[in-house]
Amino acid sequence: MRLTTFSSREFNQDSSKAKKAAMLGPVVITDRGLPSHVLLTYEEFNRISRPSQSLSDLLALDDDGKDAFKPVRIEDKTTYVKF
């Protein structure tokens, strides 16, 4: 994956070049030298924006019948100071 940077001016002058660059990886578009936008292919956008598993899948039972989700108990170690 390759990261390419275009200034806003470069992007406006040659958006087709930016689209071609996005086929190889994300394109960062800068505004006054600072990153402001990222151009991705629609396929890449879908890949990173959709969870691979739903919450119900993550909470489902393992093959051995035990819960796949094992919450960790947090001990309350709050110290109270009396004034």
PDB file of N, CA and C in Angstrom:
ATOM      1  N   MET A   1       0.857  -1.168   0.000  1.00  0.00           N
ATOM      2  CA  MET A   1       0.000   0.000   0.000  1.00  0.00           C
ATOM      3  C   MET A   1       0.903   1.231   0.000  1.00  0.00           C
ATOM      4  N   ARG A   2       0.558   2.168  -0.812  1.00  0.00           N
ATOM      5  CA  ARG A   2       1.360   3.374  -0.952  1.00  0.00           C
ATOM      6  C   ARG A   2       0.537   4.598  -0.547  1.00  0.00           C
ATOM      7  N   LEU A   3       1.143   5.503   0.195  1.00  0.00           N
ATOM      8  CA  LEU A   3       0.497   6.744   0.608  1.00  0.00           C
ATOM      9  C   LEU A   3       0.991   7.862  -0.300  1.00  0.00           C
ATOM     10  N   THR A   4       0.065   8.579  -0.907  1.00  0.00           N
ATOM     11  CA  THR A   4       0.387   9.676  -1.804  1.00  0.00           C
ATOM     12  C   THR A   4      -0.205  10.960  -1.249  1.00  0.00           C
ATOM     13  N   THR A   5       0.486  12.065  -1.462  1.00  0.00           N
ATOM     14  CA  THR A   5      -0.002  13.356  -0.986  1.00  0.00           C
ATOM     15  C   THR A   5      -0.193  14.300  -2.170  1.00  0.00           C
ATOM     16  N   PHE A   6      -1.332  14.981  -2.175  1.00  0.00           N
ATOM     17  CA  PHE A   6      -1.649  16.012  -3.174  1.00  0.00           C
ATOM     18  C   PHE A   6      -2.031  17.284  -2.424  1.00  0.00           C
ATOM     19  N   SER A   7      -1.582  18.407  -2.901  1.00  0.00           N
ATOM     20  CA  SER A   7      -2.100  19.659  -2.354  1.00  0.00           C
ATOM     21  C   SER A   7      -3.502  19.858  -2.926  1.00  0.00           C
ATOM     22  N   SER A   8      -4.281  20.725  -2.323  1.00  0.00           N
ATOM     23  CA  SER A   8      -5.634  21.001  -2.837  1.00  0.00           C
ATOM     24  C   SER A   8      -5.569  21.484  -4.278  1.00  0.00           C
ATOM     25  N   ARG A   9      -4.591  22.303  -4.568  1.00  0.00           N
ATOM     26  CA  ARG A   9      -4.429  22.832  -5.929  1.00  0.00           C
ATOM     27  C   ARG A   9      -4.122  21.710  -6.912  1.00  0.00           C
ATOM     28  N   GLU A  10      -3.182  20.819  -6.550  1.00  0.00           N
ATOM     29  CA  GLU A  10      -2.843  19.697  -7.430  1.00  0.00           C
ATOM     30  C   GLU A  10      -4.056  18.802  -7.653  1.00  0.00           C
ATOM     31  N   PHE A  11      -4.801  18.546  -6.573  1.00  0.00           N
ATOM     32  CA  PHE A  11      -5.990  17.709  -6.687  1.00  0.00           C
ATOM     33  C   PHE A  11      -7.019  18.338  -7.625  1.00  0.00           C
ATOM     34  N   ASN A  12      -7.257  19.642  -7.485  1.00  0.00           N
ATOM     35  CA  ASN A  12      -8.231  20.330  -8.340  1.00  0.00           C
ATOM     36  C   ASN A  12      -7.795  20.361  -9.797  1.00  0.00           C
ATOM     37  N   GLN A  13      -6.499  20.449 -10.034  1.00  0.00           N
ATOM     38  CA  GLN A  13      -6.005  20.519 -11.405  1.00  0.00           C
ATOM     39  C   GLN A  13      -5.967  19.158 -12.087  1.00  0.00           C
ATOM     40  N   ASP A  14      -5.784  18.078 -11.323  1.00  0.00           N
ATOM     41  CA  ASP A  14      -5.659  16.758 -11.944  1.00  0.00           C
ATOM     42  C   ASP A  14      -6.267  15.676 -11.048  1.00  0.00           C
ATOM     43  N   SER A  15      -7.599  15.704 -10.923  1.00  0.00           N
ATOM     44  CA  SER A  15      -8.273  14.739 -10.057  1.00  0.00           C
ATOM     45  C   SER A  15      -8.156  13.315 -10.595  1.00  0.00           C
ATOM     46  N   SER A  16      -8.031  13.154 -11.918  1.00  0.00           N
ATOM     47  CA  SER A  16      -7.891  11.799 -12.463  1.00  0.00           C
ATOM     48  C   SER A  16      -6.572  11.167 -12.020  1.00  0.00           C
ATOM     49  N   LYS A  17      -5.525  11.972 -11.879  1.00  0.00           N
ATOM     50  CA  LYS A  17      -4.243  11.470 -11.390  1.00  0.00           C
ATOM     51  C   LYS A  17      -4.384  11.017  -9.930  1.00  0.00           C
ATOM     52  N   ALA A  18      -5.146  11.765  -9.144  1.00  0.00           N
ATOM     53  CA  ALA A  18      -5.384  11.398  -7.745  1.00  0.00           C
ATOM     54  C   ALA A  18      -6.184  10.104  -7.659  1.00  0.00           C
ATOM     55  N   LYS A  19      -7.166   9.920  -8.547  1.00  0.00           N
ATOM     56  CA  LYS A  19      -7.957   8.692  -8.564  1.00  0.00           C
ATOM     57  C   LYS A  19      -7.076   7.491  -8.886  1.00  0.00           C
ATOM     58  N   LYS A  20      -6.173   7.662  -9.839  1.00  0.00           N
ATOM     59  CA  LYS A  20      -5.251   6.572 -10.194  1.00  0.00           C
ATOM     60  C   LYS A  20      -4.333   6.252  -9.017  1.00  0.00           C
ATOM     61  N   ALA A  21      -3.868   7.270  -8.323  1.00  0.00           N
ATOM     62  CA  ALA A  21      -3.012   7.060  -7.150  1.00  0.00           C
ATOM     63  C   ALA A  21      -3.772   6.337  -6.044  1.00  0.00           C
ATOM     64  N   ALA A  22      -5.076   6.603  -5.916  1.00  0.00           N
ATOM     65  CA  ALA A  22      -5.897   5.966  -4.884  1.00  0.00           C
ATOM     66  C   ALA A  22      -6.054   4.465  -5.130  1.00  0.00           C
ATOM     67  N   MET A  23      -5.844   4.029  -6.350  1.00  0.00           N
ATOM     68  CA  MET A  23      -5.891   2.594  -6.651  1.00  0.00           C
ATOM     69  C   MET A  23      -4.717   1.864  -5.989  1.00  0.00           C
ATOM     70  N   LEU A  24      -3.638   2.588  -5.689  1.00  0.00           N
ATOM     71  CA  LEU A  24      -2.449   2.000  -5.069  1.00  0.00           C
ATOM     72  C   LEU A  24      -2.414   2.189  -3.560  1.00  0.00           C
ATOM     73  N   GLY A  25      -3.250   3.101  -3.046  1.00  0.00           N
ATOM     74  CA  GLY A  25      -3.303   3.351  -1.607  1.00  0.00           C
ATOM     75  C   GLY A  25      -3.955   4.687  -1.329  1.00  0.00           C
ATOM     76  N   PRO A  26      -4.080   5.044  -0.067  1.00  0.00           N
ATOM     77  CA  PRO A  26      -4.736   6.298   0.307  1.00  0.00           C
ATOM     78  C   PRO A  26      -4.022   7.526  -0.261  1.00  0.00           C
ATOM     79  N   VAL A  27      -4.800   8.531  -0.609  1.00  0.00           N
ATOM     80  CA  VAL A  27      -4.270   9.805  -1.088  1.00  0.00           C
ATOM     81  C   VAL A  27      -4.652  10.875  -0.072  1.00  0.00           C
ATOM     82  N   VAL A  28      -3.649  11.501   0.528  1.00  0.00           N
ATOM     83  CA  VAL A  28      -3.879  12.570   1.489  1.00  0.00           C
ATOM     84  C   VAL A  28      -3.920  13.881   0.718  1.00  0.00           C
ATOM     85  N   ILE A  29      -4.969  14.651   0.928  1.00  0.00           N
ATOM     86  CA  ILE A  29      -5.110  15.955   0.279  1.00  0.00           C
ATOM     87  C   ILE A  29      -4.875  17.010   1.344  1.00  0.00           C
ATOM     88  N   THR A  30      -3.928  17.880   1.074  1.00  0.00           N
ATOM     89  CA  THR A  30      -3.571  18.894   2.061  1.00  0.00           C
ATOM     90  C   THR A  30      -4.193  20.242   1.706  1.00  0.00           C
ATOM     91  N   ASP A  31      -4.433  21.022   2.723  1.00  0.00           N
ATOM     92  CA  ASP A  31      -4.934  22.383   2.567  1.00  0.00           C
ATOM     93  C   ASP A  31      -3.992  23.288   3.361  1.00  0.00           C
ATOM     94  N   ARG A  32      -3.274  24.126   2.661  1.00  0.00           N
ATOM     95  CA  ARG A  32      -2.258  24.990   3.269  1.00  0.00           C
ATOM     96  C   ARG A  32      -1.206  24.191   4.034  1.00  0.00           C
ATOM     97  N   GLY A  33      -0.835  23.051   3.450  1.00  0.00           N
ATOM     98  CA  GLY A  33       0.221  22.232   4.017  1.00  0.00           C
ATOM     99  C   GLY A  33      -0.202  21.253   5.090  1.00  0.00           C
ATOM    100  N   LEU A  34      -1.466  21.295   5.506  1.00  0.00           N
ATOM    101  CA  LEU A  34      -1.956  20.397   6.553  1.00  0.00           C
ATOM    102  C   LEU A  34      -2.922  19.377   5.961  1.00  0.00           C
ATOM    103  N   PRO A  35      -2.833  18.116   6.373  1.00  0.00           N
ATOM    104  CA  PRO A  35      -3.769  17.106   5.868  1.00  0.00           C
ATOM    105  C   PRO A  35      -5.204  17.500   6.182  1.00  0.00           C
ATOM    106  N   SER A  36      -6.074  17.417   5.173  1.00  0.00           N
ATOM    107  CA  SER A  36      -7.469  17.787   5.393  1.00  0.00           C
ATOM    108  C   SER A  36      -8.457  16.716   4.933  1.00  0.00           C
ATOM    109  N   HIS A  37      -8.084  15.932   3.935  1.00  0.00           N
ATOM    110  CA  HIS A  37      -8.980  14.898   3.409  1.00  0.00           C
ATOM    111  C   HIS A  37      -8.158  13.684   2.993  1.00  0.00           C
ATOM    112  N   VAL A  38      -8.845  12.535   2.882  1.00  0.00           N
ATOM    113  CA  VAL A  38      -8.212  11.322   2.385  1.00  0.00           C
ATOM    114  C   VAL A  38      -9.103  10.744   1.304  1.00  0.00           C
ATOM    115  N   LEU A  39      -8.501  10.429   0.170  1.00  0.00           N
ATOM    116  CA  LEU A  39      -9.218   9.830  -0.950  1.00  0.00           C
ATOM    117  C   LEU A  39      -8.908   8.344  -0.964  1.00  0.00           C
ATOM    118  N   LEU A  40      -9.974   7.511  -0.962  1.00  0.00           N
ATOM    119  CA  LEU A  40      -9.847   6.057  -0.991  1.00  0.00           C
ATOM    120  C   LEU A  40     -10.719   5.505  -2.099  1.00  0.00           C
ATOM    121  N   THR A  41     -10.396   4.305  -2.565  1.00  0.00           N
ATOM    122  CA  THR A  41     -11.322   3.633  -3.466  1.00  0.00           C
ATOM    123  C   THR A  41     -12.549   3.236  -2.646  1.00  0.00           C
ATOM    124  N   TYR A  42     -13.667   3.054  -3.309  1.00  0.00           N
ATOM    125  CA  TYR A  42     -14.890   2.666  -2.604  1.00  0.00           C
ATOM    126  C   TYR A  42     -14.719   1.304  -1.944  1.00  0.00           C
ATOM    127  N   GLU A  43     -14.002   0.409  -2.615  1.00  0.00           N
ATOM    128  CA  GLU A  43     -13.731  -0.916  -2.053  1.00  0.00           C
ATOM    129  C   GLU A  43     -12.939  -0.813  -0.743  1.00  0.00           C
ATOM    130  N   GLU A  44     -11.914   0.017  -0.725  1.00  0.00           N
ATOM    131  CA  GLU A  44     -11.109   0.197   0.490  1.00  0.00           C
ATOM    132  C   GLU A  44     -11.942   0.852   1.594  1.00  0.00           C
ATOM    133  N   PHE A  45     -12.756   1.821   1.237  1.00  0.00           N
ATOM    134  CA  PHE A  45     -13.638   2.464   2.208  1.00  0.00           C
ATOM    135  C   PHE A  45     -14.558   1.439   2.861  1.00  0.00           C
ATOM    136  N   ASN A  46     -15.174   0.581   2.053  1.00  0.00           N
ATOM    137  CA  ASN A  46     -16.059  -0.453   2.595  1.00  0.00           C
ATOM    138  C   ASN A  46     -15.295  -1.420   3.487  1.00  0.00           C
ATOM    139  N   ARG A  47     -14.091  -1.761   3.098  1.00  0.00           N
ATOM    140  CA  ARG A  47     -13.303  -2.709   3.881  1.00  0.00           C
ATOM    141  C   ARG A  47     -13.007  -2.169   5.280  1.00  0.00           C
ATOM    142  N   ILE A  48     -12.649  -0.887   5.380  1.00  0.00           N
ATOM    143  CA  ILE A  48     -12.272  -0.341   6.686  1.00  0.00           C
ATOM    144  C   ILE A  48     -13.447   0.182   7.493  1.00  0.00           C
ATOM    145  N   SER A  49     -14.589   0.415   6.867  1.00  0.00           N
ATOM    146  CA  SER A  49     -15.713   1.000   7.598  1.00  0.00           C
ATOM    147  C   SER A  49     -16.733  -0.032   8.070  1.00  0.00           C
ATOM    148  N   ARG A  50     -16.659  -1.231   7.569  1.00  0.00           N
ATOM    149  CA  ARG A  50     -17.604  -2.269   7.970  1.00  0.00           C
ATOM    150  C   ARG A  50     -16.904  -3.246   8.912  1.00  0.00           C
ATOM    151  N   PRO A  51     -17.516  -3.525  10.066  1.00  0.00           N
ATOM    152  CA  PRO A  51     -16.897  -4.491  10.973  1.00  0.00           C
ATOM    153  C   PRO A  51     -16.915  -5.885  10.351  1.00  0.00           C
ATOM    154  N   SER A  52     -15.880  -6.656  10.595  1.00  0.00           N
ATOM    155  CA  SER A  52     -15.810  -7.999  10.031  1.00  0.00           C
ATOM    156  C   SER A  52     -16.777  -8.940  10.754  1.00  0.00           C
ATOM    157  N   GLN A  53     -17.108  -8.625  11.995  1.00  0.00           N
ATOM    158  CA  GLN A  53     -18.054  -9.432  12.755  1.00  0.00           C
ATOM    159  C   GLN A  53     -19.039  -8.511  13.455  1.00  0.00           C
ATOM    160  N   SER A  54     -20.249  -9.005  13.597  1.00  0.00           N
ATOM    161  CA  SER A  54     -21.241  -8.228  14.324  1.00  0.00           C
ATOM    162  C   SER A  54     -21.056  -8.460  15.824  1.00  0.00           C
ATOM    163  N   LEU A  55     -21.643  -7.613  16.617  1.00  0.00           N
ATOM    164  CA  LEU A  55     -21.567  -7.757  18.066  1.00  0.00           C
ATOM    165  C   LEU A  55     -22.150  -9.097  18.506  1.00  0.00           C
ATOM    166  N   SER A  56     -23.239  -9.513  17.874  1.00  0.00           N
ATOM    167  CA  SER A  56     -23.845 -10.796  18.253  1.00  0.00           C
ATOM    168  C   SER A  56     -22.914 -11.961  17.918  1.00  0.00           C
ATOM    169  N   ASP A  57     -22.140 -11.865  16.829  1.00  0.00           N
ATOM    170  CA  ASP A  57     -21.156 -12.892  16.504  1.00  0.00           C
ATOM    171  C   ASP A  57     -20.066 -12.940  17.562  1.00  0.00           C
ATOM    172  N   LEU A  58     -19.626 -11.779  17.997  1.00  0.00           N
ATOM    173  CA  LEU A  58     -18.570 -11.729  18.997  1.00  0.00           C
ATOM    174  C   LEU A  58     -19.027 -12.280  20.341  1.00  0.00           C
ATOM    175  N   LEU A  59     -20.318 -12.139  20.649  1.00  0.00           N
ATOM    176  CA  LEU A  59     -20.848 -12.625  21.921  1.00  0.00           C
ATOM    177  C   LEU A  59     -21.355 -14.063  21.850  1.00  0.00           C
ATOM    178  N   ALA A  60     -21.302 -14.665  20.662  1.00  0.00           N
ATOM    179  CA  ALA A  60     -21.821 -16.022  20.469  1.00  0.00           C
ATOM    180  C   ALA A  60     -20.981 -17.050  21.230  1.00  0.00           C
ATOM    181  N   LEU A  61     -21.530 -18.240  21.327  1.00  0.00           N
ATOM    182  CA  LEU A  61     -20.834 -19.316  22.021  1.00  0.00           C
ATOM    183  C   LEU A  61     -19.700 -19.875  21.168  1.00  0.00           C
ATOM    184  N   ASP A  62     -18.630 -20.339  21.851  1.00  0.00           N
ATOM    185  CA  ASP A  62     -17.535 -21.040  21.184  1.00  0.00           C
ATOM    186  C   ASP A  62     -18.005 -22.411  20.721  1.00  0.00           C
ATOM    187  N   ASP A  63     -17.151 -23.099  19.968  1.00  0.00           N
ATOM    188  CA  ASP A  63     -17.466 -24.455  19.521  1.00  0.00           C
ATOM    189  C   ASP A  63     -17.618 -25.422  20.687  1.00  0.00           C
ATOM    190  N   ASP A  64     -16.885 -25.187  21.773  1.00  0.00           N
ATOM    191  CA  ASP A  64     -16.949 -26.095  22.918  1.00  0.00           C
ATOM    192  C   ASP A  64     -18.119 -25.778  23.855  1.00  0.00           C
ATOM    193  N   GLY A  65     -18.969 -24.819  23.489  1.00  0.00           N
ATOM    194  CA  GLY A  65     -20.151 -24.501  24.275  1.00  0.00           C
ATOM    195  C   GLY A  65     -19.931 -23.471  25.354  1.00  0.00           C
ATOM    196  N   LYS A  66     -18.713 -22.988  25.497  1.00  0.00           N
ATOM    197  CA  LYS A  66     -18.425 -21.971  26.502  1.00  0.00           C
ATOM    198  C   LYS A  66     -18.568 -20.589  25.873  1.00  0.00           C
ATOM    199  N   ASP A  67     -18.796 -19.625  26.708  1.00  0.00           N
ATOM    200  CA  ASP A  67     -18.933 -18.261  26.213  1.00  0.00           C
ATOM    201  C   ASP A  67     -17.632 -17.779  25.589  1.00  0.00           C
ATOM    202  N   ALA A  68     -17.714 -17.207  24.399  1.00  0.00           N
ATOM    203  CA  ALA A  68     -16.527 -16.642  23.752  1.00  0.00           C
ATOM    204  C   ALA A  68     -16.156 -15.329  24.418  1.00  0.00           C
ATOM    205  N   PHE A  69     -17.153 -14.641  24.944  1.00  0.00           N
ATOM    206  CA  PHE A  69     -16.920 -13.357  25.598  1.00  0.00           C
ATOM    207  C   PHE A  69     -16.615 -13.590  27.060  1.00  0.00           C
ATOM    208  N   LYS A  70     -15.432 -13.203  27.484  1.00  0.00           N
ATOM    209  CA  LYS A  70     -15.025 -13.389  28.876  1.00  0.00           C
ATOM    210  C   LYS A  70     -14.703 -12.025  29.477  1.00  0.00           C
ATOM    211  N   PRO A  71     -15.682 -11.419  30.160  1.00  0.00           N
ATOM    212  CA  PRO A  71     -15.430 -10.102  30.724  1.00  0.00           C
ATOM    213  C   PRO A  71     -14.409 -10.172  31.855  1.00  0.00           C
ATOM    214  N   VAL A  72     -13.662  -9.129  32.017  1.00  0.00           N
ATOM    215  CA  VAL A  72     -12.660  -9.043  33.073  1.00  0.00           C
ATOM    216  C   VAL A  72     -13.265  -8.257  34.222  1.00  0.00           C
ATOM    217  N   ARG A  73     -13.159  -8.815  35.422  1.00  0.00           N
ATOM    218  CA  ARG A  73     -13.672  -8.126  36.598  1.00  0.00           C
ATOM    219  C   ARG A  73     -12.673  -7.062  37.020  1.00  0.00           C
ATOM    220  N   ILE A  74     -13.151  -5.867  37.207  1.00  0.00           N
ATOM    221  CA  ILE A  74     -12.298  -4.764  37.640  1.00  0.00           C
ATOM    222  C   ILE A  74     -12.532  -4.542  39.122  1.00  0.00           C
ATOM    223  N   GLU A  75     -11.463  -4.649  39.863  1.00  0.00           N
ATOM    224  CA  GLU A  75     -11.548  -4.449  41.307  1.00  0.00           C
ATOM    225  C   GLU A  75     -11.665  -2.958  41.597  1.00  0.00           C
ATOM    226  N   ASP A  76     -12.525  -2.612  42.518  1.00  0.00           N
ATOM    227  CA  ASP A  76     -12.673  -1.210  42.904  1.00  0.00           C
ATOM    228  C   ASP A  76     -11.604  -0.894  43.941  1.00  0.00           C
ATOM    229  N   LYS A  77     -10.597  -0.161  43.528  1.00  0.00           N
ATOM    230  CA  LYS A  77      -9.501   0.195  44.433  1.00  0.00           C
ATOM    231  C   LYS A  77      -9.519   1.689  44.728  1.00  0.00           C
ATOM    232  N   THR A  78     -10.724   2.216  44.807  1.00  0.00           N
ATOM    233  CA  THR A  78     -10.875   3.637  45.087  1.00  0.00           C
ATOM    234  C   THR A  78     -10.496   3.916  46.543  1.00  0.00           C
ATOM    235  N   THR A  79      -9.695   4.903  46.730  1.00  0.00           N
ATOM    236  CA  THR A  79      -9.299   5.306  48.084  1.00  0.00           C
ATOM    237  C   THR A  79     -10.072   6.556  48.445  1.00  0.00           C
ATOM    238  N   TYR A  80     -10.746   6.481  49.544  1.00  0.00           N
ATOM    239  CA  TYR A  80     -11.515   7.633  49.994  1.00  0.00           C
ATOM    240  C   TYR A  80     -10.725   8.352  51.084  1.00  0.00           C
ATOM    241  N   VAL A  81     -10.616   9.643  50.947  1.00  0.00           N
ATOM    242  CA  VAL A  81      -9.884  10.450  51.925  1.00  0.00           C
ATOM    243  C   VAL A  81     -10.904  11.298  52.665  1.00  0.00           C
ATOM    244  N   LYS A  82     -10.856  11.213  53.988  1.00  0.00           N
ATOM    245  CA  LYS A  82     -11.784  11.983  54.799  1.00  0.00           C
ATOM    246  C   LYS A  82     -11.126  13.287  55.179  1.00  0.00           C
ATOM    247  N   PHE A  83     -11.816  14.402  54.969  1.00  0.00           N
ATOM    248  CA  PHE A  83     -11.281  15.729  55.305  1.00  0.00           C
ATOM    249  C   PHE A  83     -11.910  16.249  56.552  1.00  0.00           C
TER     250      PHE A  83
END
